[in-house]
Structures are given as C-alpha cells and as structure tokens.
Protein backbone atom coordinates (compact mmCIF):
# COMPACT_ATOMS: atom_id res chain seq x y z
CA LEU A 1 0.00 0.00 0.00
CA PHE A 2 2.86 2.34 0.88
CA ILE A 3 4.62 1.68 -2.44
CA LEU A 4 1.40 2.25 -4.37
CA CYS A 5 1.01 5.64 -2.68
CA LEU A 6 4.55 6.56 -3.64
CA ILE A 7 4.02 5.57 -7.25
CA PHE A 8 1.09 7.96 -7.59
CA THR A 9 2.56 10.90 -5.66
CA VAL A 10 6.28 11.05 -6.50
CA GLN A 11 7.31 13.50 -9.18
CA LEU A 12 10.44 12.33 -10.95
CA ASN A 13 10.94 15.64 -12.70
CA PRO A 14 9.70 18.37 -10.33
CA ASP A 15 9.37 21.94 -11.59
CA ASN A 16 11.96 24.21 -9.97
CA ASN A 17 10.14 27.32 -11.23
CA ARG A 18 13.01 28.32 -13.48
CA ARG A 19 11.96 29.36 -16.95
CA LEU A 20 15.37 29.64 -18.58
CA LYS A 21 14.26 28.02 -21.81
CA GLU A 22 11.59 30.69 -22.12
CA VAL A 23 14.20 33.38 -21.35
CA THR A 24 16.63 32.13 -23.99
CA ASP A 25 13.83 31.85 -26.54
CA LEU A 26 12.96 35.51 -25.91
CA VAL A 27 16.60 36.56 -26.23
CA LYS A 28 16.90 34.67 -29.52
CA HIS A 29 13.70 36.32 -30.73
CA PHE A 30 14.93 39.87 -29.99
CA LYS A 31 18.60 39.37 -30.86
CA LYS A 32 19.79 40.68 -34.18
CA GLU A 33 23.26 40.56 -35.67
CA ASN A 34 24.37 43.79 -34.02
CA THR A 35 22.67 43.25 -30.64
CA ILE A 36 24.66 42.91 -27.45
CA VAL A 37 23.32 40.75 -24.63
CA LEU A 38 24.29 41.57 -21.05
CA ILE A 39 23.67 39.02 -18.30
CA ALA A 40 23.54 39.91 -14.62
CA PRO A 41 24.59 38.65 -12.23
CA GLU A 42 27.70 37.31 -13.85
CA TYR A 43 27.27 33.77 -12.56
CA ALA A 44 23.94 33.43 -14.41
CA ASP A 45 25.89 32.91 -17.62
CA LEU A 46 26.26 29.17 -17.06
CA SER A 47 22.57 28.43 -16.75
CA PHE A 48 21.82 30.85 -19.59
CA ALA A 49 24.35 29.17 -21.89
CA TYR A 50 23.03 25.72 -21.06
CA HIS A 51 19.65 26.65 -22.53
CA TYR A 52 20.89 29.09 -25.18
CA ASP A 53 23.37 26.73 -26.85
CA ILE A 54 24.42 23.53 -25.11
CA HIS A 55 27.67 23.45 -27.12
CA TYR A 56 28.85 26.64 -25.40
CA PHE A 57 28.13 25.05 -22.04
CA ARG A 58 29.99 21.85 -22.91
CA ASP A 59 33.11 23.61 -24.20
CA TYR A 60 34.16 24.89 -20.78
CA LYS A 61 37.67 25.92 -21.90
CA ASN A 62 36.25 28.33 -24.49
CA PHE A 63 32.99 29.06 -22.75
CA ARG A 64 33.36 32.82 -22.26
CA LYS A 65 34.99 33.29 -25.67
CA LEU A 66 32.09 31.56 -27.40
CA LEU A 67 29.64 33.80 -25.58
CA ALA A 68 31.68 36.90 -26.45
CA ASP A 69 31.80 35.87 -30.11
CA GLU A 70 28.00 35.85 -29.99
CA LYS A 71 28.11 39.29 -28.27
CA ILE A 72 26.88 37.89 -24.95
CA PHE A 73 28.63 39.28 -21.88
CA PRO A 74 28.09 38.54 -18.20
CA VAL A 75 28.37 41.65 -16.02
CA ASN A 76 28.51 42.35 -12.30
CA SER A 77 28.55 46.12 -12.22
CA ALA A 78 27.40 49.24 -14.00
CA ASP A 79 31.02 49.99 -14.91
CA MET A 80 31.37 46.65 -16.67
CA ALA A 81 28.19 47.33 -18.64
CA LYS A 82 29.35 50.85 -19.57
CA ASN A 83 32.72 49.54 -20.77
CA ILE A 84 31.07 46.93 -22.99
CA LEU A 85 28.54 49.40 -24.42
CA GLU A 86 30.99 52.29 -24.76
CA ASN A 87 31.66 51.92 -28.50
CA HIS A 88 28.70 49.73 -29.37
CA ILE A 89 26.29 50.87 -32.03
CA GLY A 90 23.18 48.75 -31.97
CA ASP A 91 20.54 47.37 -29.65
CA CYS A 92 21.05 45.82 -26.25
CA ILE A 93 19.29 43.04 -24.40
CA TYR A 94 19.76 42.97 -20.65
CA PHE A 95 18.94 39.64 -18.99
CA GLN A 96 18.38 40.42 -15.33
CA ALA A 97 18.30 37.28 -13.21
CA ASP A 98 17.24 38.20 -9.68
CA THR A 99 19.84 40.90 -9.07
CA GLN A 100 18.34 42.06 -5.77
CA PHE A 101 21.52 41.02 -3.92
CA SER A 102 24.23 41.70 -6.51
CA ASP A 103 22.79 45.00 -7.81
CA SER A 104 20.13 46.07 -5.34
CA ASP A 105 20.06 49.68 -6.59
CA ASN A 106 19.64 48.61 -10.25
CA LEU A 107 22.76 50.54 -11.26
CA ILE A 108 23.37 48.26 -14.24
CA LEU A 109 19.88 48.89 -15.58
CA LYS A 110 20.25 52.63 -15.00
CA SER A 111 23.59 52.78 -16.81
CA ILE A 112 22.19 50.93 -19.83
CA SER A 113 19.08 53.15 -19.86
CA GLU A 114 21.28 56.26 -20.16
CA LYS A 115 22.49 55.14 -23.59
CA TYR A 116 19.15 54.22 -25.18
CA SER A 117 15.93 56.09 -25.84
CA LYS A 118 13.55 53.11 -26.13
CA HIS A 119 13.14 50.47 -23.45
CA THR A 120 10.72 47.58 -23.21
CA GLU A 121 10.76 44.83 -20.65
CA GLN A 122 9.23 41.43 -20.27
CA LYS A 123 9.05 39.49 -17.03
CA VAL A 124 9.51 35.74 -17.09
CA PHE A 125 8.08 34.01 -14.06
CA GLU A 126 9.23 35.53 -10.76
CA ILE A 127 12.92 36.33 -10.97
CA TYR A 128 13.80 37.00 -14.61
CA THR A 129 13.36 40.17 -16.61
CA ILE A 130 14.38 40.71 -20.21
CA HIS A 131 15.02 44.36 -21.06
CA TYR A 132 15.26 45.35 -24.69
CA PHE A 133 16.92 48.66 -25.50
CA SER A 134 17.06 50.49 -28.82
CA ASN A 135 17.34 54.01 -30.21
C-alpha cells in the first residue's frame, strides 16, 4: 500500500520554477546581428548558456569566448556594462536574473538606460526580466 502511494505521488521531474528556456527563446527572438546581450549577475551565464546553446556550455575551456563571439557578456557592475557598451552601435538586451543582492540599486539597468531612448521589458516568471533597449 505504501509503495502504491509513492508511485502515484512522486514527481520524478519536479518543476523548480526556473523558466530559462523561455528566457533564452525571448533573447533569440529579440537578438539581431548587431545586438549585445548583457547578463547579470555574472554567474547566471552558465545556466543561460546551457539553454541558449548547449555546445557553449559543454566547451568549458572556451565558454566565455564563445559567448563573447556571440556578443553575450556577463556583467557584475554598472562599470562593466558601460565599458562593454561604450563603443557599441546597436541594440542591447539585458537579462536580469534576480539581481536584488548583486545589484540592489539597479545601477546596471540605469547605466544601460542612459544610452538608449527606447526600453521595453518582459518578465519571465518571478525572478527573470528581459530588457530590450534600442534608439
């Protein structure tokens, strides 16, 4: 009886409430050839890459280079974002993954907003926000 109860109640693949596949699909939808993608906090790049292109995730020795070749940059500060965007002409996608601890004052978002005139955002579940910037 106990085993029968377990068979009907155990979830082998529980939902962890992460919607990274949805996030990466949105980024791919908005990304053009001359679009830069910024990811914050910096450590969110691994989970992003896993869903964006599994080959980037598997090639750990060239992981950051492969992302950079695709114009995808993890950032931890407004200064890092400014340096990346300094000479960039084109749109920007900012993937904000629960930055309440790493950037509680939203300084990265504010520094990106200074460069662009148009800004749209789309929330994905509870902790992800995709910001799309253009002029």
